[in-house]
Amino acid sequence: PLMASVTMERSGTMLVGTDMAAVAATLEPFELFSLGLNCATGPEDMESHIRYLSQQWPGRISCMPNQGLPEMVGGQTVYPMAPDQFAAHMRLFVERYGVSVVGGCCGSSPDHIRALVRALRDVTPAARRVET
């Protein structure tokens, strides 16, 4: 299985300026296990892109965000999102937008993943109807 995952900046595009619509159109002809987002931002900055995919992408959607935007604290990189906050965002993505492949990227700890597992126990991804 081939998963495709892109990183969207806070500007709303990839570093090269590509938006999510162009990503989906480019990858549409390929047989992918999933298409989704990872890295660069936390889940709150990914919601509009996840919503777009839920309406436009016919296949599985993945989401593996950072634990918020990194901050420098005492010379150390810190990701501010608490495990339960992360898990709540991801549950919303699964229940509202039909995301079916989840995980975490930068700043994710075993506590974040444990919270994610607890939050998604017995949760089924929302049914989606792609607009054509």
N, C-alpha and C. Protein backbone atom coordinates (compact mmCIF):
# COMPACT_ATOMS: atom_id res chain seq x y z
N PRO A 1 0.83 -1.20 0.00
CA PRO A 1 0.00 0.00 0.00
C PRO A 1 0.87 1.26 0.00
N LEU A 2 0.43 2.24 -0.71
CA LEU A 2 1.14 3.50 -0.81
C LEU A 2 0.32 4.61 -0.17
N MET A 3 0.90 5.24 0.84
CA MET A 3 0.26 6.39 1.49
C MET A 3 0.96 7.65 1.01
N ALA A 4 0.21 8.66 0.68
CA ALA A 4 0.79 9.95 0.32
C ALA A 4 0.40 10.95 1.40
N SER A 5 1.38 11.70 1.86
CA SER A 5 1.13 12.67 2.91
C SER A 5 1.90 13.94 2.58
N VAL A 6 1.24 15.07 2.71
CA VAL A 6 1.86 16.35 2.39
C VAL A 6 1.90 17.24 3.62
N THR A 7 2.79 18.18 3.58
CA THR A 7 2.94 19.15 4.65
C THR A 7 2.46 20.50 4.15
N MET A 8 1.42 21.01 4.79
CA MET A 8 0.89 22.32 4.44
C MET A 8 1.33 23.32 5.51
N GLU A 9 1.86 24.42 5.07
CA GLU A 9 2.30 25.47 5.98
C GLU A 9 1.10 26.29 6.47
N ARG A 10 1.34 27.13 7.46
CA ARG A 10 0.27 27.98 7.97
C ARG A 10 -0.29 28.91 6.89
N SER A 11 0.49 29.15 5.86
CA SER A 11 0.05 29.99 4.74
C SER A 11 -1.09 29.35 3.96
N GLY A 12 -1.29 28.03 4.16
CA GLY A 12 -2.35 27.32 3.44
C GLY A 12 -1.87 26.55 2.23
N THR A 13 -0.56 26.60 1.98
CA THR A 13 0.00 25.88 0.84
C THR A 13 1.26 25.13 1.28
N MET A 14 1.74 24.28 0.38
CA MET A 14 3.03 23.64 0.59
C MET A 14 4.11 24.71 0.39
N LEU A 15 5.34 24.40 0.73
CA LEU A 15 6.43 25.37 0.57
C LEU A 15 6.55 25.90 -0.85
N VAL A 16 6.24 25.06 -1.84
CA VAL A 16 6.34 25.48 -3.24
C VAL A 16 5.10 26.20 -3.74
N GLY A 17 4.10 26.39 -2.87
CA GLY A 17 2.91 27.14 -3.24
C GLY A 17 1.72 26.31 -3.67
N THR A 18 1.85 24.99 -3.66
CA THR A 18 0.78 24.11 -4.08
C THR A 18 -0.31 24.04 -3.02
N ASP A 19 -1.58 24.15 -3.43
CA ASP A 19 -2.68 24.04 -2.47
C ASP A 19 -3.22 22.61 -2.46
N MET A 20 -4.12 22.33 -1.55
CA MET A 20 -4.65 20.96 -1.38
C MET A 20 -5.42 20.50 -2.61
N ALA A 21 -6.10 21.41 -3.29
CA ALA A 21 -6.84 21.02 -4.50
C ALA A 21 -5.88 20.50 -5.57
N ALA A 22 -4.74 21.15 -5.73
CA ALA A 22 -3.75 20.71 -6.71
C ALA A 22 -3.14 19.36 -6.31
N VAL A 23 -2.91 19.18 -5.01
CA VAL A 23 -2.39 17.90 -4.51
C VAL A 23 -3.36 16.78 -4.87
N ALA A 24 -4.63 16.97 -4.53
CA ALA A 24 -5.64 15.94 -4.78
C ALA A 24 -5.78 15.66 -6.28
N ALA A 25 -5.78 16.70 -7.10
CA ALA A 25 -5.91 16.52 -8.55
C ALA A 25 -4.70 15.77 -9.12
N THR A 26 -3.53 16.08 -8.62
CA THR A 26 -2.30 15.43 -9.10
C THR A 26 -2.28 13.95 -8.73
N LEU A 27 -2.74 13.62 -7.53
CA LEU A 27 -2.66 12.24 -7.06
C LEU A 27 -3.88 11.39 -7.38
N GLU A 28 -4.94 12.00 -7.87
CA GLU A 28 -6.20 11.29 -8.15
C GLU A 28 -6.03 10.07 -9.04
N PRO A 29 -5.20 10.11 -10.06
CA PRO A 29 -5.11 8.93 -10.94
C PRO A 29 -4.42 7.73 -10.32
N PHE A 30 -3.75 7.91 -9.19
CA PHE A 30 -2.96 6.83 -8.61
C PHE A 30 -3.74 6.07 -7.55
N GLU A 31 -3.47 4.79 -7.48
CA GLU A 31 -4.12 3.93 -6.49
C GLU A 31 -3.39 4.09 -5.15
N LEU A 32 -3.91 4.95 -4.31
CA LEU A 32 -3.29 5.21 -3.01
C LEU A 32 -4.08 4.54 -1.90
N PHE A 33 -3.38 4.09 -0.89
CA PHE A 33 -4.05 3.58 0.31
C PHE A 33 -4.71 4.75 1.04
N SER A 34 -3.99 5.89 1.10
CA SER A 34 -4.56 7.09 1.73
C SER A 34 -3.83 8.33 1.25
N LEU A 35 -4.49 9.46 1.44
CA LEU A 35 -3.91 10.78 1.19
C LEU A 35 -4.18 11.60 2.44
N GLY A 36 -3.17 12.32 2.87
CA GLY A 36 -3.39 13.12 4.06
C GLY A 36 -2.31 14.14 4.33
N LEU A 37 -2.27 14.54 5.59
CA LEU A 37 -1.37 15.60 6.04
C LEU A 37 -0.48 15.10 7.17
N ASN A 38 0.71 15.68 7.23
CA ASN A 38 1.61 15.42 8.34
C ASN A 38 2.50 16.64 8.56
N CYS A 39 3.02 16.74 9.74
CA CYS A 39 4.08 17.67 10.12
C CYS A 39 3.72 19.16 9.97
N ALA A 40 4.70 19.99 10.25
CA ALA A 40 4.67 21.46 10.13
C ALA A 40 3.76 22.17 11.13
N THR A 41 2.54 21.70 11.30
CA THR A 41 1.60 22.40 12.17
C THR A 41 0.89 21.40 13.08
N GLY A 42 0.08 21.93 13.96
CA GLY A 42 -0.78 21.09 14.79
C GLY A 42 -2.10 20.86 14.08
N PRO A 43 -2.96 20.07 14.69
CA PRO A 43 -4.24 19.74 14.04
C PRO A 43 -5.13 20.95 13.77
N GLU A 44 -5.08 21.97 14.62
CA GLU A 44 -5.95 23.12 14.40
C GLU A 44 -5.67 23.81 13.07
N ASP A 45 -4.41 23.80 12.63
CA ASP A 45 -4.06 24.41 11.34
C ASP A 45 -4.30 23.49 10.16
N MET A 46 -4.64 22.25 10.43
CA MET A 46 -4.90 21.28 9.37
C MET A 46 -6.39 21.12 9.06
N GLU A 47 -7.25 21.66 9.90
CA GLU A 47 -8.68 21.36 9.77
C GLU A 47 -9.26 21.74 8.41
N SER A 48 -8.92 22.89 7.88
CA SER A 48 -9.51 23.27 6.59
C SER A 48 -9.08 22.32 5.48
N HIS A 49 -7.86 21.82 5.54
CA HIS A 49 -7.36 20.88 4.53
C HIS A 49 -8.02 19.51 4.70
N ILE A 50 -8.19 19.09 5.94
CA ILE A 50 -8.88 17.83 6.21
C ILE A 50 -10.34 17.92 5.75
N ARG A 51 -10.98 19.04 6.02
CA ARG A 51 -12.37 19.25 5.57
C ARG A 51 -12.45 19.17 4.03
N TYR A 52 -11.50 19.81 3.35
CA TYR A 52 -11.47 19.77 1.89
C TYR A 52 -11.36 18.32 1.40
N LEU A 53 -10.40 17.57 1.96
CA LEU A 53 -10.24 16.18 1.55
C LEU A 53 -11.51 15.37 1.83
N SER A 54 -12.15 15.64 2.95
CA SER A 54 -13.35 14.87 3.28
C SER A 54 -14.46 15.10 2.26
N GLN A 55 -14.44 16.23 1.59
CA GLN A 55 -15.46 16.56 0.60
C GLN A 55 -15.04 16.20 -0.83
N GLN A 56 -13.73 16.12 -1.07
CA GLN A 56 -13.25 15.99 -2.44
C GLN A 56 -12.45 14.71 -2.73
N TRP A 57 -11.86 14.09 -1.72
CA TRP A 57 -11.01 12.93 -1.95
C TRP A 57 -11.82 11.65 -1.72
N PRO A 58 -11.89 10.77 -2.71
CA PRO A 58 -12.74 9.59 -2.57
C PRO A 58 -12.16 8.48 -1.68
N GLY A 59 -10.87 8.49 -1.45
CA GLY A 59 -10.24 7.42 -0.69
C GLY A 59 -10.05 7.75 0.78
N ARG A 60 -9.26 6.91 1.44
CA ARG A 60 -8.96 7.13 2.85
C ARG A 60 -8.21 8.43 3.05
N ILE A 61 -8.41 9.02 4.23
CA ILE A 61 -7.71 10.24 4.61
C ILE A 61 -6.87 9.95 5.85
N SER A 62 -5.64 10.44 5.82
CA SER A 62 -4.75 10.28 6.98
C SER A 62 -4.43 11.65 7.56
N CYS A 63 -4.09 11.65 8.85
CA CYS A 63 -3.70 12.89 9.50
C CYS A 63 -2.72 12.57 10.62
N MET A 64 -1.52 13.15 10.54
CA MET A 64 -0.46 12.93 11.52
C MET A 64 0.21 14.26 11.83
N PRO A 65 -0.44 15.07 12.65
CA PRO A 65 0.08 16.41 12.93
C PRO A 65 1.16 16.44 14.00
N ASN A 66 1.86 17.57 14.02
CA ASN A 66 2.73 17.88 15.14
C ASN A 66 1.87 18.16 16.36
N GLN A 67 2.51 18.27 17.48
CA GLN A 67 1.80 18.62 18.72
C GLN A 67 1.81 20.13 18.90
N GLY A 68 1.28 20.82 17.90
CA GLY A 68 1.28 22.28 17.86
C GLY A 68 2.54 22.79 17.19
N LEU A 69 2.65 24.10 17.07
CA LEU A 69 3.84 24.70 16.48
C LEU A 69 4.97 24.70 17.50
N PRO A 70 6.17 24.34 17.08
CA PRO A 70 7.27 24.28 18.04
C PRO A 70 7.62 25.66 18.60
N GLU A 71 8.02 25.65 19.86
CA GLU A 71 8.45 26.87 20.55
C GLU A 71 9.82 26.60 21.16
N MET A 72 10.63 27.64 21.26
CA MET A 72 11.92 27.52 21.94
C MET A 72 11.73 27.97 23.38
N VAL A 73 12.01 27.08 24.32
CA VAL A 73 11.89 27.36 25.75
C VAL A 73 13.19 26.93 26.41
N GLY A 74 13.93 27.90 26.92
CA GLY A 74 15.19 27.57 27.58
C GLY A 74 16.17 26.85 26.67
N GLY A 75 16.17 27.20 25.40
CA GLY A 75 17.08 26.58 24.45
C GLY A 75 16.63 25.21 23.95
N GLN A 76 15.45 24.78 24.34
CA GLN A 76 14.91 23.48 23.93
C GLN A 76 13.66 23.68 23.06
N THR A 77 13.50 22.82 22.09
CA THR A 77 12.29 22.84 21.28
C THR A 77 11.18 22.14 22.05
N VAL A 78 10.06 22.84 22.19
CA VAL A 78 8.92 22.32 22.94
C VAL A 78 7.69 22.39 22.05
N TYR A 79 6.92 21.31 22.07
CA TYR A 79 5.64 21.28 21.36
C TYR A 79 4.55 21.39 22.42
N PRO A 80 3.71 22.43 22.34
CA PRO A 80 2.83 22.78 23.45
C PRO A 80 1.55 21.96 23.64
N MET A 81 1.17 21.14 22.67
CA MET A 81 -0.12 20.48 22.76
C MET A 81 -0.07 19.30 23.74
N ALA A 82 -0.98 19.31 24.68
CA ALA A 82 -1.09 18.22 25.66
C ALA A 82 -1.73 17.00 25.00
N PRO A 83 -1.43 15.82 25.51
CA PRO A 83 -1.98 14.59 24.92
C PRO A 83 -3.50 14.58 24.77
N ASP A 84 -4.23 15.00 25.80
CA ASP A 84 -5.70 14.97 25.71
C ASP A 84 -6.23 15.98 24.69
N GLN A 85 -5.57 17.11 24.57
CA GLN A 85 -5.96 18.12 23.58
C GLN A 85 -5.76 17.57 22.16
N PHE A 86 -4.61 16.94 21.94
CA PHE A 86 -4.31 16.30 20.65
C PHE A 86 -5.37 15.24 20.33
N ALA A 87 -5.64 14.38 21.29
CA ALA A 87 -6.60 13.29 21.08
C ALA A 87 -7.99 13.83 20.75
N ALA A 88 -8.39 14.91 21.40
CA ALA A 88 -9.71 15.50 21.13
C ALA A 88 -9.80 16.02 19.70
N HIS A 89 -8.74 16.68 19.22
CA HIS A 89 -8.73 17.16 17.83
C HIS A 89 -8.84 15.99 16.86
N MET A 90 -8.07 14.95 17.12
CA MET A 90 -8.07 13.82 16.20
C MET A 90 -9.42 13.09 16.21
N ARG A 91 -10.03 13.00 17.37
CA ARG A 91 -11.36 12.38 17.43
C ARG A 91 -12.36 13.18 16.59
N LEU A 92 -12.28 14.49 16.66
CA LEU A 92 -13.14 15.34 15.84
C LEU A 92 -12.91 15.04 14.36
N PHE A 93 -11.67 14.91 13.95
CA PHE A 93 -11.36 14.63 12.54
C PHE A 93 -11.96 13.30 12.10
N VAL A 94 -11.90 12.31 12.98
CA VAL A 94 -12.44 10.99 12.65
C VAL A 94 -13.97 11.04 12.60
N GLU A 95 -14.57 11.64 13.61
CA GLU A 95 -16.03 11.66 13.70
C GLU A 95 -16.69 12.62 12.71
N ARG A 96 -16.08 13.76 12.45
CA ARG A 96 -16.69 14.77 11.59
C ARG A 96 -16.29 14.63 10.13
N TYR A 97 -15.01 14.31 9.89
CA TYR A 97 -14.50 14.33 8.52
C TYR A 97 -14.15 12.95 7.95
N GLY A 98 -14.33 11.90 8.72
CA GLY A 98 -14.08 10.56 8.20
C GLY A 98 -12.62 10.18 8.07
N VAL A 99 -11.73 10.85 8.78
CA VAL A 99 -10.32 10.48 8.76
C VAL A 99 -10.20 9.06 9.32
N SER A 100 -9.44 8.21 8.63
CA SER A 100 -9.38 6.81 9.06
C SER A 100 -7.97 6.31 9.34
N VAL A 101 -6.97 7.13 9.10
CA VAL A 101 -5.59 6.77 9.43
C VAL A 101 -5.04 7.93 10.25
N VAL A 102 -4.68 7.66 11.51
CA VAL A 102 -4.24 8.73 12.40
C VAL A 102 -2.93 8.38 13.08
N GLY A 103 -2.27 9.41 13.53
CA GLY A 103 -1.02 9.25 14.26
C GLY A 103 -0.49 10.63 14.60
N GLY A 104 0.76 10.68 15.00
CA GLY A 104 1.36 11.95 15.36
C GLY A 104 2.73 12.10 14.71
N CYS A 105 3.17 13.33 14.57
CA CYS A 105 4.48 13.62 14.00
C CYS A 105 5.31 14.30 15.08
N CYS A 106 6.01 15.35 14.75
CA CYS A 106 6.95 15.98 15.67
C CYS A 106 6.29 16.36 17.00
N GLY A 107 6.97 16.05 18.07
CA GLY A 107 6.48 16.35 19.40
C GLY A 107 5.58 15.29 19.99
N SER A 108 5.24 14.27 19.20
CA SER A 108 4.37 13.21 19.70
C SER A 108 5.16 12.30 20.65
N SER A 109 4.56 12.04 21.78
CA SER A 109 5.19 11.18 22.78
C SER A 109 4.33 9.93 22.94
N PRO A 110 4.83 8.94 23.65
CA PRO A 110 3.99 7.79 23.95
C PRO A 110 2.68 8.20 24.65
N ASP A 111 2.72 9.25 25.47
CA ASP A 111 1.50 9.72 26.13
C ASP A 111 0.49 10.25 25.11
N HIS A 112 0.96 10.92 24.07
CA HIS A 112 0.06 11.41 23.02
C HIS A 112 -0.61 10.24 22.31
N ILE A 113 0.15 9.23 22.00
CA ILE A 113 -0.41 8.08 21.28
C ILE A 113 -1.36 7.29 22.18
N ARG A 114 -1.03 7.15 23.46
CA ARG A 114 -1.95 6.48 24.38
C ARG A 114 -3.27 7.24 24.48
N ALA A 115 -3.20 8.57 24.56
CA ALA A 115 -4.42 9.39 24.62
C ALA A 115 -5.23 9.24 23.33
N LEU A 116 -4.55 9.16 22.21
CA LEU A 116 -5.21 8.97 20.92
C LEU A 116 -5.95 7.63 20.89
N VAL A 117 -5.29 6.59 21.34
CA VAL A 117 -5.92 5.27 21.37
C VAL A 117 -7.16 5.30 22.27
N ARG A 118 -7.05 5.89 23.45
CA ARG A 118 -8.21 5.98 24.36
C ARG A 118 -9.35 6.77 23.72
N ALA A 119 -9.02 7.90 23.07
CA ALA A 119 -10.06 8.76 22.49
C ALA A 119 -10.78 8.09 21.33
N LEU A 120 -10.10 7.19 20.64
CA LEU A 120 -10.70 6.59 19.44
C LEU A 120 -11.23 5.18 19.66
N ARG A 121 -11.10 4.69 20.88
CA ARG A 121 -11.65 3.37 21.18
C ARG A 121 -13.14 3.38 20.87
N ASP A 122 -13.59 2.45 20.08
CA ASP A 122 -15.01 2.31 19.72
C ASP A 122 -15.55 3.46 18.86
N VAL A 123 -14.68 4.22 18.21
CA VAL A 123 -15.12 5.30 17.31
C VAL A 123 -14.98 4.81 15.88
N THR A 124 -15.98 5.05 15.08
CA THR A 124 -15.97 4.70 13.67
C THR A 124 -15.87 5.98 12.85
N PRO A 125 -14.99 6.02 11.84
CA PRO A 125 -14.92 7.22 11.00
C PRO A 125 -16.26 7.56 10.37
N ALA A 126 -16.55 8.84 10.30
CA ALA A 126 -17.78 9.30 9.67
C ALA A 126 -17.86 8.85 8.22
N ALA A 127 -19.06 8.52 7.80
CA ALA A 127 -19.27 8.21 6.38
C ALA A 127 -19.10 9.51 5.61
N ARG A 128 -18.49 9.41 4.45
CA ARG A 128 -18.29 10.60 3.62
C ARG A 128 -18.95 10.40 2.27
N ARG A 129 -19.39 11.50 1.70
CA ARG A 129 -19.91 11.52 0.36
C ARG A 129 -19.14 12.58 -0.40
N VAL A 130 -18.31 12.14 -1.31
CA VAL A 130 -17.47 13.06 -2.06
C VAL A 130 -18.31 13.83 -3.07
N GLU A 131 -18.13 15.15 -3.07
CA GLU A 131 -18.83 16.01 -4.03
C GLU A 131 -18.19 15.84 -5.40
N THR A 132 -19.02 15.64 -6.42
CA THR A 132 -18.47 15.50 -7.77
C THR A 132 -18.98 16.57 -8.68
